[in-house]
């Protein structure tokens, strides 16, 4: 009778661990949703379930896919970075658009984001953003 009790207890424990991610050797990690507004010096970022839009000093960009964090809170996604120009936009003007990689790490309500142009290898910069923070972006003059 006691051995049956321990067998049932062991089976229940195994099922509980498997449901919580214990089958992979650890406890499941619940990662925060990134959706919403993030802001910082020289950057603003709005994330939705399907992508993101960015505004920088004299530039902007898009991410056209879902941003998914790994177990350490990191992500790497591709998108577009568009370099702006001073003054009004002229119809028919060439757009200075580049494919870009957006590498980030989230820790609680902070996001560190590095932007790299993949066609030139240029590092646009690393930006520190805060969830619900104000974007401090300057217009291109």
C-alpha atoms as a PDB file:
ATOM      1  CA  UNK A   1       0.000   0.000   0.000  1.00  0.00           C
ATOM      2  CA  UNK A   2       2.803   2.423   0.886  1.00  0.00           C
ATOM      3  CA  UNK A   3       4.753   1.560  -2.261  1.00  0.00           C
ATOM      4  CA  UNK A   4       1.636   2.229  -4.392  1.00  0.00           C
ATOM      5  CA  UNK A   5       1.255   5.633  -2.678  1.00  0.00           C
ATOM      6  CA  UNK A   6       4.859   6.531  -3.518  1.00  0.00           C
ATOM      7  CA  UNK A   7       4.416   5.308  -7.101  1.00  0.00           C
ATOM      8  CA  UNK A   8       1.376   7.543  -7.575  1.00  0.00           C
ATOM      9  CA  UNK A   9       3.184  10.442  -5.891  1.00  0.00           C
ATOM     10  CA  UNK A  10       6.233   9.973  -8.126  1.00  0.00           C
ATOM     11  CA  UNK A  11       4.047   9.841 -11.259  1.00  0.00           C
ATOM     12  CA  UNK A  12       2.219  13.023 -10.232  1.00  0.00           C
ATOM     13  CA  UNK A  13       5.522  14.758  -9.550  1.00  0.00           C
ATOM     14  CA  UNK A  14       6.905  13.742 -12.966  1.00  0.00           C
ATOM     15  CA  UNK A  15       3.786  15.038 -14.719  1.00  0.00           C
ATOM     16  CA  UNK A  16       3.964  18.304 -12.794  1.00  0.00           C
ATOM     17  CA  UNK A  17       7.621  18.806 -13.681  1.00  0.00           C
ATOM     18  CA  UNK A  18       6.980  18.012 -17.344  1.00  0.00           C
ATOM     19  CA  UNK A  19       4.134  20.536 -17.457  1.00  0.00           C
ATOM     20  CA  UNK A  20       6.411  23.173 -15.941  1.00  0.00           C
ATOM     21  CA  UNK A  21       9.280  22.534 -18.305  1.00  0.00           C
ATOM     22  CA  UNK A  22      11.089  20.214 -15.938  1.00  0.00           C
ATOM     23  CA  UNK A  23      11.391  17.649 -18.713  1.00  0.00           C
ATOM     24  CA  UNK A  24      14.184  19.753 -20.208  1.00  0.00           C
ATOM     25  CA  UNK A  25      16.113  19.790 -16.957  1.00  0.00           C
ATOM     26  CA  UNK A  26      14.876  23.081 -15.496  1.00  0.00           C
ATOM     27  CA  UNK A  27      11.965  25.149 -14.390  1.00  0.00           C
ATOM     28  CA  UNK A  28       9.954  26.921 -17.076  1.00  0.00           C
ATOM     29  CA  UNK A  29      10.800  30.583 -17.475  1.00  0.00           C
ATOM     30  CA  UNK A  30       7.936  32.960 -18.136  1.00  0.00           C
ATOM     31  CA  UNK A  31       9.261  35.753 -20.328  1.00  0.00           C
ATOM     32  CA  UNK A  32       7.632  39.186 -20.335  1.00  0.00           C
ATOM     33  CA  UNK A  33       5.680  40.447 -23.288  1.00  0.00           C
ATOM     34  CA  UNK A  34       7.496  43.152 -25.194  1.00  0.00           C
ATOM     35  CA  UNK A  35       4.393  44.754 -26.687  1.00  0.00           C
ATOM     36  CA  UNK A  36       4.005  48.429 -25.955  1.00  0.00           C
ATOM     37  CA  UNK A  37       6.009  51.624 -26.017  1.00  0.00           C
ATOM     38  CA  UNK A  38       9.715  51.815 -25.149  1.00  0.00           C
ATOM     39  CA  UNK A  39      11.703  55.038 -25.063  1.00  0.00           C
ATOM     40  CA  UNK A  40      15.173  56.370 -24.442  1.00  0.00           C
ATOM     41  CA  UNK A  41      17.724  58.944 -25.552  1.00  0.00           C
ATOM     42  CA  UNK A  42      17.674  59.282 -29.341  1.00  0.00           C
ATOM     43  CA  UNK A  43      15.188  56.418 -29.858  1.00  0.00           C
ATOM     44  CA  UNK A  44      11.545  55.417 -29.586  1.00  0.00           C
ATOM     45  CA  UNK A  45      10.256  51.894 -30.157  1.00  0.00           C
ATOM     46  CA  UNK A  46       6.686  50.633 -30.452  1.00  0.00           C
ATOM     47  CA  UNK A  47       6.319  46.851 -30.397  1.00  0.00           C
ATOM     48  CA  UNK A  48       3.216  44.876 -31.371  1.00  0.00           C
ATOM     49  CA  UNK A  49       2.600  41.142 -31.648  1.00  0.00           C
ATOM     50  CA  UNK A  50       3.455  41.297 -35.368  1.00  0.00           C
ATOM     51  CA  UNK A  51       6.480  43.628 -35.471  1.00  0.00           C
ATOM     52  CA  UNK A  52       7.806  46.998 -34.426  1.00  0.00           C
ATOM     53  CA  UNK A  53       8.464  50.547 -35.558  1.00  0.00           C
ATOM     54  CA  UNK A  54      11.420  52.659 -34.493  1.00  0.00           C
ATOM     55  CA  UNK A  55      12.122  56.391 -34.558  1.00  0.00           C
ATOM     56  CA  UNK A  56      15.660  57.759 -34.158  1.00  0.00           C
ATOM     57  CA  UNK A  57      17.282  61.150 -34.569  1.00  0.00           C
ATOM     58  CA  UNK A  58      16.974  61.720 -38.323  1.00  0.00           C
ATOM     59  CA  UNK A  59      16.051  58.094 -39.094  1.00  0.00           C
ATOM     60  CA  UNK A  60      13.388  55.444 -38.628  1.00  0.00           C
ATOM     61  CA  UNK A  61      12.982  51.718 -39.044  1.00  0.00           C
ATOM     62  CA  UNK A  62      10.685  48.724 -39.003  1.00  0.00           C
ATOM     63  CA  UNK A  63      10.731  45.120 -37.889  1.00  0.00           C
ATOM     64  CA  UNK A  64       8.210  43.087 -39.874  1.00  0.00           C
ATOM     65  CA  UNK A  65       8.028  40.007 -37.706  1.00  0.00           C
ATOM     66  CA  UNK A  66       7.344  38.954 -34.163  1.00  0.00           C
ATOM     67  CA  UNK A  67      10.126  39.582 -31.648  1.00  0.00           C
ATOM     68  CA  UNK A  68      10.689  36.467 -29.546  1.00  0.00           C
ATOM     69  CA  UNK A  69      12.958  36.366 -26.541  1.00  0.00           C
ATOM     70  CA  UNK A  70      15.162  33.385 -25.800  1.00  0.00           C
ATOM     71  CA  UNK A  71      15.489  32.042 -22.253  1.00  0.00           C
ATOM     72  CA  UNK A  72      18.102  34.681 -21.401  1.00  0.00           C
ATOM     73  CA  UNK A  73      15.908  37.594 -22.555  1.00  0.00           C
ATOM     74  CA  UNK A  74      17.821  38.131 -25.825  1.00  0.00           C
ATOM     75  CA  UNK A  75      16.560  38.487 -29.381  1.00  0.00           C
ATOM     76  CA  UNK A  76      17.961  39.063 -32.863  1.00  0.00           C
ATOM     77  CA  UNK A  77      15.606  40.092 -35.672  1.00  0.00           C
ATOM     78  CA  UNK A  78      15.915  41.577 -39.136  1.00  0.00           C
ATOM     79  CA  UNK A  79      14.261  44.725 -40.382  1.00  0.00           C
ATOM     80  CA  UNK A  80      14.766  47.945 -42.290  1.00  0.00           C
ATOM     81  CA  UNK A  81      16.610  51.116 -41.248  1.00  0.00           C
ATOM     82  CA  UNK A  82      15.867  54.309 -43.199  1.00  0.00           C
ATOM     83  CA  UNK A  83      18.233  57.255 -42.919  1.00  0.00           C
ATOM     84  CA  UNK A  84      16.400  60.565 -43.069  1.00  0.00           C
ATOM     85  CA  UNK A  85      17.411  63.867 -44.566  1.00  0.00           C
ATOM     86  CA  UNK A  86      16.865  67.436 -43.444  1.00  0.00           C
ATOM     87  CA  UNK A  87      13.916  69.405 -44.728  1.00  0.00           C
ATOM     88  CA  UNK A  88      10.710  68.304 -46.412  1.00  0.00           C
ATOM     89  CA  UNK A  89      10.514  65.073 -48.394  1.00  0.00           C
ATOM     90  CA  UNK A  90      10.529  65.648 -52.131  1.00  0.00           C
ATOM     91  CA  UNK A  91       8.170  63.471 -54.203  1.00  0.00           C
ATOM     92  CA  UNK A  92      10.206  60.918 -56.143  1.00  0.00           C
ATOM     93  CA  UNK A  93      13.262  61.341 -53.899  1.00  0.00           C
ATOM     94  CA  UNK A  94      15.459  58.303 -53.327  1.00  0.00           C
ATOM     95  CA  UNK A  95      14.936  56.674 -49.951  1.00  0.00           C
ATOM     96  CA  UNK A  96      18.163  55.772 -48.128  1.00  0.00           C
ATOM     97  CA  UNK A  97      16.966  52.356 -46.920  1.00  0.00           C
ATOM     98  CA  UNK A  98      19.183  49.569 -45.545  1.00  0.00           C
ATOM     99  CA  UNK A  99      18.534  46.052 -44.288  1.00  0.00           C
ATOM    100  CA  UNK A 100      19.295  45.975 -40.578  1.00  0.00           C
ATOM    101  CA  UNK A 101      19.719  43.564 -37.695  1.00  0.00           C
ATOM    102  CA  UNK A 102      18.255  44.500 -34.332  1.00  0.00           C
ATOM    103  CA  UNK A 103      19.937  42.680 -31.428  1.00  0.00           C
ATOM    104  CA  UNK A 104      18.474  43.213 -27.992  1.00  0.00           C
ATOM    105  CA  UNK A 105      18.402  42.072 -24.420  1.00  0.00           C
ATOM    106  CA  UNK A 106      15.552  42.679 -21.991  1.00  0.00           C
ATOM    107  CA  UNK A 107      15.997  42.806 -18.236  1.00  0.00           C
ATOM    108  CA  UNK A 108      12.758  43.624 -16.437  1.00  0.00           C
ATOM    109  CA  UNK A 109      11.650  47.023 -17.836  1.00  0.00           C
ATOM    110  CA  UNK A 110      14.975  47.840 -19.559  1.00  0.00           C
ATOM    111  CA  UNK A 111      15.979  47.037 -23.118  1.00  0.00           C
ATOM    112  CA  UNK A 112      19.445  47.338 -24.635  1.00  0.00           C
ATOM    113  CA  UNK A 113      19.192  47.472 -28.449  1.00  0.00           C
ATOM    114  CA  UNK A 114      22.057  47.385 -30.959  1.00  0.00           C
ATOM    115  CA  UNK A 115      21.308  48.278 -34.580  1.00  0.00           C
ATOM    116  CA  UNK A 116      23.610  47.106 -37.378  1.00  0.00           C
ATOM    117  CA  UNK A 117      23.198  47.766 -41.108  1.00  0.00           C
ATOM    118  CA  UNK A 118      23.705  44.345 -42.655  1.00  0.00           C
ATOM    119  CA  UNK A 119      24.601  45.560 -46.150  1.00  0.00           C
ATOM    120  CA  UNK A 120      27.478  47.774 -44.970  1.00  0.00           C
ATOM    121  CA  UNK A 121      28.295  46.309 -41.548  1.00  0.00           C
ATOM    122  CA  UNK A 122      27.888  49.778 -40.011  1.00  0.00           C
ATOM    123  CA  UNK A 123      26.980  49.801 -36.330  1.00  0.00           C
ATOM    124  CA  UNK A 124      24.279  52.477 -35.992  1.00  0.00           C
ATOM    125  CA  UNK A 125      24.572  52.341 -32.210  1.00  0.00           C
ATOM    126  CA  UNK A 126      23.478  50.742 -28.983  1.00  0.00           C
ATOM    127  CA  UNK A 127      20.465  52.306 -27.317  1.00  0.00           C
ATOM    128  CA  UNK A 128      19.058  51.922 -23.809  1.00  0.00           C
ATOM    129  CA  UNK A 129      15.270  51.983 -23.598  1.00  0.00           C
ATOM    130  CA  UNK A 130      12.748  51.811 -20.776  1.00  0.00           C
ATOM    131  CA  UNK A 131       9.269  50.293 -20.974  1.00  0.00           C
ATOM    132  CA  UNK A 132       6.722  53.156 -21.148  1.00  0.00           C
ATOM    133  CA  UNK A 133       9.656  55.598 -21.313  1.00  0.00           C
ATOM    134  CA  UNK A 134       9.609  58.829 -23.289  1.00  0.00           C
ATOM    135  CA  UNK A 135      11.397  58.806 -26.628  1.00  0.00           C
ATOM    136  CA  UNK A 136      13.900  61.676 -26.752  1.00  0.00           C
ATOM    137  CA  UNK A 137      14.211  61.962 -30.521  1.00  0.00           C
ATOM    138  CA  UNK A 138      15.351  65.088 -32.369  1.00  0.00           C
ATOM    139  CA  UNK A 139      14.053  66.112 -35.785  1.00  0.00           C
ATOM    140  CA  UNK A 140      16.435  66.117 -38.701  1.00  0.00           C
ATOM    141  CA  UNK A 141      17.167  69.766 -39.481  1.00  0.00           C
END
